[in-house]
Protein backbone atom coordinates (compact mmCIF):
# COMPACT_ATOMS: atom_id res chain seq x y z
CA MET A 1 -5.94 34.78 7.28
CA PHE A 2 -5.00 30.18 7.98
CA LEU A 3 -7.45 28.20 9.32
CA LEU A 4 -6.06 24.68 10.67
CA ASN A 5 -7.80 21.46 10.12
CA ILE A 6 -9.10 19.77 13.83
CA PRO A 7 -11.00 17.19 13.32
CA SER A 8 -13.84 17.03 16.22
CA GLY A 9 -13.47 13.78 17.61
CA PRO A 10 -12.44 10.44 16.31
CA GLN A 11 -13.05 9.20 13.00
CA PRO A 12 -12.06 5.35 12.20
CA ALA A 13 -9.26 4.52 9.81
CA LYS A 14 -10.29 5.00 6.50
CA ILE A 15 -8.42 4.04 2.83
CA ILE A 16 -8.95 6.89 0.59
CA GLY A 17 -7.98 7.11 -3.44
CA SER A 18 -9.59 6.03 -6.45
CA SER A 19 -6.02 4.98 -8.41
CA SER A 20 -6.18 1.26 -10.04
CA HIS A 21 -6.30 -2.13 -7.94
CA ASP A 22 -4.66 -4.13 -10.65
CA ILE A 23 -0.92 -2.22 -11.34
CA TRP A 24 1.40 -3.62 -14.30
CA VAL A 25 3.86 -3.49 -13.98
CA ASN A 26 7.58 -5.27 -16.37
CA SER A 27 10.34 -7.34 -14.39
CA GLY A 28 13.20 -5.12 -13.38
CA GLU A 29 10.73 -1.54 -13.12
CA ASP A 30 10.57 -0.05 -9.32
CA ALA A 31 6.34 -0.32 -9.02
CA ILE A 32 4.72 2.37 -6.13
CA LEU A 33 1.67 0.69 -4.05
CA ASP A 34 0.18 3.82 -2.09
CA CYS A 35 -2.13 3.74 0.45
CA ASN A 36 -3.83 6.95 1.84
CA ALA A 37 -5.57 6.48 4.40
CA VAL A 38 -7.01 9.51 7.22
CA GLY A 39 -8.86 9.17 10.01
CA PHE A 40 -8.08 10.54 13.53
CA PRO A 41 -5.59 9.42 15.90
CA PRO A 42 -3.57 9.31 12.46
CA PRO A 43 -4.18 5.20 11.57
CA VAL A 44 -1.30 2.57 11.69
CA ILE A 45 -0.31 0.93 8.22
CA THR A 46 0.19 -2.72 8.14
CA TRP A 47 1.83 -4.29 4.84
CA LYS A 48 0.82 -7.62 3.48
CA LYS A 49 2.15 -9.86 0.93
CA ASP A 50 -0.45 -12.90 -0.15
CA ASN A 51 -2.01 -12.19 3.90
CA GLN A 52 1.51 -12.69 5.06
CA VAL A 53 2.93 -9.25 6.79
CA MET A 54 6.15 -7.54 5.37
CA LYS A 55 8.90 -6.20 6.60
CA LYS A 56 11.26 -4.13 5.06
CA THR A 57 13.59 -5.28 3.04
CA GLU A 58 15.56 -3.31 0.12
CA ARG A 59 12.82 -4.38 -2.73
CA TYR A 60 10.03 -4.12 -0.39
CA VAL A 61 10.31 0.29 1.39
CA PRO A 62 7.72 1.30 2.73
CA SER A 63 7.56 5.47 2.87
CA GLY A 64 5.66 8.44 3.93
CA ASN A 65 4.44 7.26 7.71
CA SER A 66 3.90 3.60 5.75
CA LEU A 67 1.54 4.95 3.54
CA LYS A 68 3.35 3.53 0.14
CA MET A 69 4.91 0.62 -0.56
CA LYS A 70 7.82 0.74 -3.27
CA ILE A 71 8.96 -2.53 -4.36
CA VAL A 72 12.28 -2.25 -5.72
CA ARG A 73 13.37 -4.64 -9.07
CA SER A 74 9.67 -6.01 -9.27
CA ARG A 75 10.16 -9.71 -10.90
CA TYR A 76 7.98 -12.50 -11.93
CA PRO A 77 7.29 -14.68 -10.01
CA ASP A 78 8.00 -13.26 -6.62
CA ASP A 79 6.09 -10.17 -7.47
CA ASP A 80 3.52 -11.55 -8.93
CA ALA A 81 1.55 -11.60 -6.08
CA VAL A 82 -2.14 -9.19 -3.99
CA PHE A 83 -0.59 -7.16 -1.55
CA SER A 84 -2.46 -5.28 0.97
CA CYS A 85 -2.81 -2.45 3.28
CA GLU A 86 -4.40 -2.35 6.59
CA ALA A 87 -5.17 1.04 8.54
CA LYS A 88 -6.49 1.26 12.31
CA ASN A 89 -6.67 2.67 14.80
CA ASP A 90 -9.14 2.82 17.58
CA PHE A 91 -11.98 3.86 15.83
CA GLY A 92 -11.91 1.26 12.82
CA ASN A 93 -10.30 -0.46 10.18
CA ASP A 94 -9.73 -0.53 6.52
CA SER A 95 -7.75 -2.36 3.92
CA ARG A 96 -7.05 -2.31 0.39
CA ASP A 97 -5.71 -5.04 -2.12
CA PHE A 98 -4.20 -5.04 -4.93
CA VAL A 99 -2.91 -7.20 -7.04
CA VAL A 100 0.86 -6.29 -9.35
CA ILE A 101 0.78 -8.89 -12.56
CA ILE A 102 3.83 -9.21 -14.28
CA PRO A 103 4.08 -10.66 -17.91
CA SER A 104 6.15 -13.55 -17.55
CA GLU A 105 8.53 -12.88 -20.69
CA PHE A 106 8.42 -15.83 -23.13
CA LYS A 107 11.62 -16.18 -24.81
CA PHE A 108 11.40 -18.23 -28.17
């Protein structure tokens, strides 16, 4: 028997998950930020970098209905920042911050 999970009514947007809020990534490597959000109606996701709304570029690529943000070839100091996702529907909103840390390379 197949059961379909249908919400019984409106549910406010909520970000769930337990991954780390601090993301360490080496310069030149990709980073994936995961904004696992639920709610009914399904929430709209907005990504921000240092409190500024982000737009899709070849370096910042949202995927999976914007539930994930890929930072392509991260670099210091451009991506050493606070990224956040906001999930919002008509019944509520929730947000989550990700501190992306890219160790600087010291040359002797």
